[in-house]
Every structure is written in C-alpha cells, then in structure tokens.
Amino acid sequence: MKTALFPMVAAIAALAACGDHQVNPPNEPAAPLRTPEAMQQVEPPGPSSLAMRGPRSFVGVWAANPQWCARPQRERSPITLTPLRFDAYGHNCDIASIDETGSGYVAALRCATSGQAKTERVHMGTTGDVMNLTYIDRDMTTVKLARCPGSPRAPDPANPLEKMMKPEGAETPPAEPPS
C-alpha cells in the first residue's frame, strides 16, 4: 500500500510545484509573440500548396470515351499526363510551366506537332477521376475526360502509408494453412 501511495504523493507534489502563476482569462488573451521565429511566414503567399493536391490530381491516362482506354485508334486515343509531359495523338508536349489557379492548373505547353514547334496553354481542373481540360488558345474549347482504369497516379508524398499499401489490382497471396 505504501508503495502505491508514494507515486501519487510525488505526482501531487510535482503538480503543486507548478505554482499559482497568473493565467489569462479567456476574455483577456496574451499578447502575440514578436520573436523572429514567430514572425516567419508559415507558407509563401499565393494559392495554398495543398489545394487540389498538386500534380497528383492530373497525372494519369485520360480519355473522352472510356472505350478509347482499352482500344485506342488514332485521334480516338487517351491523353497521357505526367508532371512534365502532355502526350496525345499527334500532340506531344513538354509542360514548360504550370501555375495553380483557384479551380485547377494552367499549363504552358511546348509542343512538336507534325514537326512544327508550337506553344499552347491548357487549364486542367479535376474532381476525383473526372477532368475538365480547357484549351485556352483554342477559343476556350473544353473537353470532359475520365481517368482510364488502371491509370498510373502520382505518388502522394503527404501520405507516409502509401508506400506500404498494396497497388490497385494486386492480389494478396493466400495465407499459409496452420500447421
């Protein structure tokens, strides 16, 4: 009994040693900290770095018709997007720059189309597995695309568990029978 009583008495003594320092009441908050560390910006100005989850939202293989994913035929082929490339039938482009907007991303493309160098801007806005792709320099023509089944996705650096998760479509081996 004495053994159990000693830790409780020690804990009470330690809490009592915290003192009776004055604590600000809720209606009188403490003055803000003005140290150099406290005055540093947490995130640079501009759109949030977490909005729309970055390139993860648009990386993949996309098609206007799901049948084009399985059976691509010339202009009826899917578009493949990476953080650095925009590849479609007859339209192979480097993404020269990309800017986040409130509703997605505007990418400046540097393309080689039929042997000719060309620049073009597109807006990519995604919600889940659906993308609205707007060709800004083509009178704002918009195409609705769906992510192709099995399409690669960019890794999510914010999710430390992603490396431990099994890939989509991977089968779990059968468990060993108990011996």
C-alpha atoms as a PDB file:
ATOM      1  CA  MET A   1       0.000   0.000   0.000  1.00  0.00           C
ATOM      2  CA  LYS A   2       2.844   2.379   0.898  1.00  0.00           C
ATOM      3  CA  THR A   3       4.453   1.625  -2.483  1.00  0.00           C
ATOM      4  CA  ALA A   4       1.339   2.750  -4.397  1.00  0.00           C
ATOM      5  CA  LEU A   5       0.860   5.810  -2.186  1.00  0.00           C
ATOM      6  CA  PHE A   6       4.355   7.215  -2.784  1.00  0.00           C
ATOM      7  CA  PRO A   7       3.929   7.795  -6.590  1.00  0.00           C
ATOM      8  CA  MET A   8       0.576   9.540  -6.003  1.00  0.00           C
ATOM      9  CA  VAL A   9       2.078  11.848  -3.353  1.00  0.00           C
ATOM     10  CA  ALA A  10       5.014  12.608  -5.684  1.00  0.00           C
ATOM     11  CA  ALA A  11       2.653  13.457  -8.557  1.00  0.00           C
ATOM     12  CA  ILE A  12       0.578  15.781  -6.369  1.00  0.00           C
ATOM     13  CA  ALA A  13       3.745  17.480  -5.097  1.00  0.00           C
ATOM     14  CA  ALA A  14       5.011  17.947  -8.657  1.00  0.00           C
ATOM     15  CA  LEU A  15       1.703  19.499  -9.754  1.00  0.00           C
ATOM     16  CA  ALA A  16       1.656  21.767  -6.714  1.00  0.00           C
ATOM     17  CA  ALA A  17       5.200  22.920  -7.570  1.00  0.00           C
ATOM     18  CA  CYS A  18       3.874  24.307 -10.865  1.00  0.00           C
ATOM     19  CA  GLY A  19       2.834  27.290  -8.835  1.00  0.00           C
ATOM     20  CA  ASP A  20      -0.091  29.545  -8.789  1.00  0.00           C
ATOM     21  CA  HIS A  21       1.058  31.651 -11.734  1.00  0.00           C
ATOM     22  CA  GLN A  22      -1.462  34.037 -13.172  1.00  0.00           C
ATOM     23  CA  VAL A  23      -3.279  32.646 -16.193  1.00  0.00           C
ATOM     24  CA  ASN A  24      -5.006  34.970 -18.644  1.00  0.00           C
ATOM     25  CA  PRO A  25      -8.786  34.635 -18.554  1.00  0.00           C
ATOM     26  CA  PRO A  26     -10.436  33.777 -21.919  1.00  0.00           C
ATOM     27  CA  ASN A  27     -11.612  37.367 -22.422  1.00  0.00           C
ATOM     28  CA  GLU A  28      -8.029  38.707 -21.980  1.00  0.00           C
ATOM     29  CA  PRO A  29      -5.745  36.779 -24.388  1.00  0.00           C
ATOM     30  CA  ALA A  30      -1.977  37.006 -24.051  1.00  0.00           C
ATOM     31  CA  ALA A  31      -0.050  39.471 -26.204  1.00  0.00           C
ATOM     32  CA  PRO A  32       1.190  37.961 -29.505  1.00  0.00           C
ATOM     33  CA  LEU A  33       4.782  36.764 -29.708  1.00  0.00           C
ATOM     34  CA  ARG A  34       7.076  39.111 -31.652  1.00  0.00           C
ATOM     35  CA  THR A  35      10.180  36.936 -31.863  1.00  0.00           C
ATOM     36  CA  PRO A  36      11.871  36.455 -35.266  1.00  0.00           C
ATOM     37  CA  GLU A  37      10.794  32.805 -35.278  1.00  0.00           C
ATOM     38  CA  ALA A  38       7.162  33.706 -34.622  1.00  0.00           C
ATOM     39  CA  MET A  39       7.182  36.355 -37.368  1.00  0.00           C
ATOM     40  CA  GLN A  40       8.315  33.953 -40.142  1.00  0.00           C
ATOM     41  CA  GLN A  41       5.759  33.036 -42.773  1.00  0.00           C
ATOM     42  CA  VAL A  42       4.420  29.522 -42.478  1.00  0.00           C
ATOM     43  CA  GLU A  43       3.600  29.273 -46.170  1.00  0.00           C
ATOM     44  CA  PRO A  44       4.520  31.614 -49.031  1.00  0.00           C
ATOM     45  CA  PRO A  45       1.806  33.973 -50.277  1.00  0.00           C
ATOM     46  CA  GLY A  46      -0.416  32.779 -53.111  1.00  0.00           C
ATOM     47  CA  PRO A  47      -2.590  29.703 -53.573  1.00  0.00           C
ATOM     48  CA  SER A  48      -2.235  27.010 -50.958  1.00  0.00           C
ATOM     49  CA  SER A  49       0.297  24.310 -51.681  1.00  0.00           C
ATOM     50  CA  LEU A  50      -2.283  21.760 -50.577  1.00  0.00           C
ATOM     51  CA  ALA A  51      -5.121  22.907 -52.839  1.00  0.00           C
ATOM     52  CA  MET A  52      -6.197  20.216 -55.315  1.00  0.00           C
ATOM     53  CA  ARG A  53      -3.212  18.125 -54.115  1.00  0.00           C
ATOM     54  CA  GLY A  54      -0.809  19.306 -56.830  1.00  0.00           C
ATOM     55  CA  PRO A  55       0.088  17.253 -59.898  1.00  0.00           C
ATOM     56  CA  ARG A  56      -1.454  14.163 -58.293  1.00  0.00           C
ATOM     57  CA  SER A  57      -4.801  15.483 -59.468  1.00  0.00           C
ATOM     58  CA  PHE A  58      -3.957  15.432 -63.183  1.00  0.00           C
ATOM     59  CA  VAL A  59      -1.231  12.790 -63.599  1.00  0.00           C
ATOM     60  CA  GLY A  60      -2.540   9.729 -65.424  1.00  0.00           C
ATOM     61  CA  VAL A  61      -4.166   8.490 -68.609  1.00  0.00           C
ATOM     62  CA  TRP A  62      -7.411  10.259 -69.561  1.00  0.00           C
ATOM     63  CA  ALA A  63      -9.964   9.729 -72.331  1.00  0.00           C
ATOM     64  CA  ALA A  64     -13.149  11.423 -73.536  1.00  0.00           C
ATOM     65  CA  ASN A  65     -14.667   7.974 -74.063  1.00  0.00           C
ATOM     66  CA  PRO A  66     -13.819   5.048 -71.725  1.00  0.00           C
ATOM     67  CA  GLN A  67     -13.622   2.687 -74.740  1.00  0.00           C
ATOM     68  CA  TRP A  68     -10.618   4.669 -76.002  1.00  0.00           C
ATOM     69  CA  CYS A  69      -8.644   3.471 -72.956  1.00  0.00           C
ATOM     70  CA  ALA A  70      -8.842  -0.188 -73.983  1.00  0.00           C
ATOM     71  CA  ARG A  71      -8.869   0.281 -77.781  1.00  0.00           C
ATOM     72  CA  PRO A  72      -7.060   3.483 -78.800  1.00  0.00           C
ATOM     73  CA  GLN A  73      -7.397   4.342 -82.501  1.00  0.00           C
ATOM     74  CA  ARG A  74      -5.558   7.391 -83.873  1.00  0.00           C
ATOM     75  CA  GLU A  75      -7.412  10.532 -82.731  1.00  0.00           C
ATOM     76  CA  ARG A  76      -9.620   8.362 -80.519  1.00  0.00           C
ATOM     77  CA  SER A  77      -6.750   7.735 -78.121  1.00  0.00           C
ATOM     78  CA  PRO A  78      -6.309   8.713 -74.494  1.00  0.00           C
ATOM     79  CA  ILE A  79      -4.154  11.618 -73.301  1.00  0.00           C
ATOM     80  CA  THR A  80      -1.200  10.758 -71.053  1.00  0.00           C
ATOM     81  CA  LEU A  81      -0.207  13.387 -68.488  1.00  0.00           C
ATOM     82  CA  THR A  82       2.816  13.456 -66.213  1.00  0.00           C
ATOM     83  CA  PRO A  83       4.128  16.409 -64.180  1.00  0.00           C
ATOM     84  CA  LEU A  84       6.436  17.125 -67.154  1.00  0.00           C
ATOM     85  CA  ARG A  85       4.596  15.830 -70.270  1.00  0.00           C
ATOM     86  CA  PHE A  86       1.270  16.161 -72.133  1.00  0.00           C
ATOM     87  CA  ASP A  87       1.010  13.452 -74.797  1.00  0.00           C
ATOM     88  CA  ALA A  88      -1.980  12.956 -77.089  1.00  0.00           C
ATOM     89  CA  TYR A  89      -2.373  11.597 -80.618  1.00  0.00           C
ATOM     90  CA  GLY A  90      -0.265  13.870 -82.865  1.00  0.00           C
ATOM     91  CA  HIS A  91       0.316  16.282 -79.983  1.00  0.00           C
ATOM     92  CA  ASN A  92       3.471  15.578 -77.923  1.00  0.00           C
ATOM     93  CA  CYS A  93       4.351  18.365 -75.500  1.00  0.00           C
ATOM     94  CA  ASP A  94       6.653  19.306 -72.657  1.00  0.00           C
ATOM     95  CA  ILE A  95       4.961  21.153 -69.813  1.00  0.00           C
ATOM     96  CA  ALA A  96       7.081  24.317 -69.828  1.00  0.00           C
ATOM     97  CA  SER A  97       5.405  25.832 -66.773  1.00  0.00           C
ATOM     98  CA  ILE A  98       2.410  25.217 -64.588  1.00  0.00           C
ATOM     99  CA  ASP A  99       0.508  27.612 -62.341  1.00  0.00           C
ATOM    100  CA  GLU A 100      -2.127  26.787 -59.779  1.00  0.00           C
ATOM    101  CA  THR A 101      -5.443  28.611 -60.095  1.00  0.00           C
ATOM    102  CA  GLY A 102      -8.479  28.512 -57.832  1.00  0.00           C
ATOM    103  CA  SER A 103     -10.022  25.766 -59.964  1.00  0.00           C
ATOM    104  CA  GLY A 104      -7.052  23.722 -61.134  1.00  0.00           C
ATOM    105  CA  TYR A 105      -3.856  24.320 -63.076  1.00  0.00           C
ATOM    106  CA  VAL A 106      -2.876  26.298 -66.174  1.00  0.00           C
ATOM    107  CA  ALA A 107      -0.046  24.635 -68.067  1.00  0.00           C
ATOM    108  CA  ALA A 108       2.035  26.244 -70.788  1.00  0.00           C
ATOM    109  CA  LEU A 109       2.857  23.519 -73.310  1.00  0.00           C
ATOM    110  CA  ARG A 110       5.806  23.436 -75.706  1.00  0.00           C
ATOM    111  CA  CYS A 111       4.764  21.014 -78.427  1.00  0.00           C
ATOM    112  CA  ALA A 112       6.086  19.320 -81.536  1.00  0.00           C
ATOM    113  CA  THR A 113       3.047  18.875 -83.778  1.00  0.00           C
ATOM    114  CA  SER A 114       3.713  17.405 -87.236  1.00  0.00           C
ATOM    115  CA  GLY A 115       7.342  18.516 -86.967  1.00  0.00           C
ATOM    116  CA  GLN A 116       6.380  22.111 -86.097  1.00  0.00           C
ATOM    117  CA  ALA A 117       7.233  23.780 -82.771  1.00  0.00           C
ATOM    118  CA  LYS A 118       4.150  25.280 -81.163  1.00  0.00           C
ATOM    119  CA  THR A 119       3.114  26.672 -77.784  1.00  0.00           C
ATOM    120  CA  GLU A 120      -0.300  26.259 -76.232  1.00  0.00           C
ATOM    121  CA  ARG A 121      -1.987  26.801 -72.866  1.00  0.00           C
ATOM    122  CA  VAL A 122      -4.437  24.419 -71.219  1.00  0.00           C
ATOM    123  CA  HIS A 123      -6.422  24.515 -67.991  1.00  0.00           C
ATOM    124  CA  MET A 124      -6.789  21.224 -66.107  1.00  0.00           C
ATOM    125  CA  GLY A 125      -9.431  21.023 -63.408  1.00  0.00           C
ATOM    126  CA  THR A 126     -10.125  17.672 -61.772  1.00  0.00           C
ATOM    127  CA  THR A 127     -12.687  16.286 -59.392  1.00  0.00           C
ATOM    128  CA  GLY A 128     -11.851  12.714 -58.491  1.00  0.00           C
ATOM    129  CA  ASP A 129     -11.484  10.742 -61.725  1.00  0.00           C
ATOM    130  CA  VAL A 130     -13.041  13.398 -63.984  1.00  0.00           C
ATOM    131  CA  MET A 131     -11.098  16.214 -65.634  1.00  0.00           C
ATOM    132  CA  ASN A 132     -12.283  19.278 -67.498  1.00  0.00           C
ATOM    133  CA  LEU A 133      -9.499  20.069 -69.963  1.00  0.00           C
ATOM    134  CA  THR A 134      -9.812  23.538 -71.492  1.00  0.00           C
ATOM    135  CA  TYR A 135      -7.704  24.564 -74.459  1.00  0.00           C
ATOM    136  CA  ILE A 136      -7.280  28.263 -73.638  1.00  0.00           C
ATOM    137  CA  ASP A 137      -5.762  29.176 -77.011  1.00  0.00           C
ATOM    138  CA  ARG A 138      -8.494  27.335 -78.941  1.00  0.00           C
ATOM    139  CA  ASP A 139     -11.387  29.623 -78.008  1.00  0.00           C
ATOM    140  CA  MET A 140     -11.654  28.009 -74.549  1.00  0.00           C
ATOM    141  CA  THR A 141     -12.737  24.649 -76.014  1.00  0.00           C
ATOM    142  CA  THR A 142     -13.410  22.291 -73.092  1.00  0.00           C
ATOM    143  CA  VAL A 143     -13.334  18.504 -73.157  1.00  0.00           C
ATOM    144  CA  LYS A 144     -14.560  16.314 -70.291  1.00  0.00           C
ATOM    145  CA  LEU A 145     -12.221  13.379 -69.672  1.00  0.00           C
ATOM    146  CA  ALA A 146     -12.362  10.330 -67.408  1.00  0.00           C
ATOM    147  CA  ARG A 147      -9.336   8.656 -65.842  1.00  0.00           C
ATOM    148  CA  CYS A 148      -8.686   5.337 -67.596  1.00  0.00           C
ATOM    149  CA  PRO A 149      -8.965   2.203 -65.426  1.00  0.00           C
ATOM    150  CA  GLY A 150      -5.564   1.211 -64.064  1.00  0.00           C
ATOM    151  CA  SER A 151      -4.166   4.641 -64.923  1.00  0.00           C
ATOM    152  CA  PRO A 152      -0.974   5.482 -63.045  1.00  0.00           C
ATOM    153  CA  ARG A 153      -1.228   8.091 -60.339  1.00  0.00           C
ATOM    154  CA  ALA A 154       1.481  10.330 -58.957  1.00  0.00           C
ATOM    155  CA  PRO A 155       2.715   9.269 -55.531  1.00  0.00           C
ATOM    156  CA  ASP A 156       1.356  11.252 -52.597  1.00  0.00           C
ATOM    157  CA  PRO A 157       4.340  12.469 -50.549  1.00  0.00           C
ATOM    158  CA  ALA A 158       1.936  13.639 -47.840  1.00  0.00           C
ATOM    159  CA  ASN A 159       0.783  10.064 -47.222  1.00  0.00           C
ATOM    160  CA  PRO A 160       3.525   8.098 -45.434  1.00  0.00           C
ATOM    161  CA  LEU A 161       1.380   4.953 -45.573  1.00  0.00           C
ATOM    162  CA  GLU A 162       1.179   4.952 -49.370  1.00  0.00           C
ATOM    163  CA  LYS A 163       4.450   3.025 -49.705  1.00  0.00           C
ATOM    164  CA  MET A 164       3.039   0.266 -47.506  1.00  0.00           C
ATOM    165  CA  MET A 165      -0.278  -0.050 -49.355  1.00  0.00           C
ATOM    166  CA  LYS A 166      -0.606  -2.721 -51.997  1.00  0.00           C
ATOM    167  CA  PRO A 167      -1.084  -1.430 -55.549  1.00  0.00           C
ATOM    168  CA  GLU A 168      -4.572  -1.405 -57.035  1.00  0.00           C
ATOM    169  CA  GLY A 169      -5.403  -4.753 -58.586  1.00  0.00           C
ATOM    170  CA  ALA A 170      -2.620  -6.581 -56.720  1.00  0.00           C
ATOM    171  CA  GLU A 171      -3.695  -9.852 -55.249  1.00  0.00           C
ATOM    172  CA  THR A 172      -2.941 -10.887 -51.710  1.00  0.00           C
ATOM    173  CA  PRO A 173      -1.247 -14.290 -51.581  1.00  0.00           C
ATOM    174  CA  PRO A 174      -3.231 -16.967 -49.789  1.00  0.00           C
ATOM    175  CA  ALA A 175      -2.412 -17.417 -46.115  1.00  0.00           C
ATOM    176  CA  GLU A 176      -0.359 -20.403 -45.082  1.00  0.00           C
ATOM    177  CA  PRO A 177      -2.526 -23.119 -43.520  1.00  0.00           C
ATOM    178  CA  PRO A 178      -1.876 -23.607 -39.799  1.00  0.00           C
ATOM    179  CA  SER A 179       0.477 -26.489 -39.051  1.00  0.00           C
END
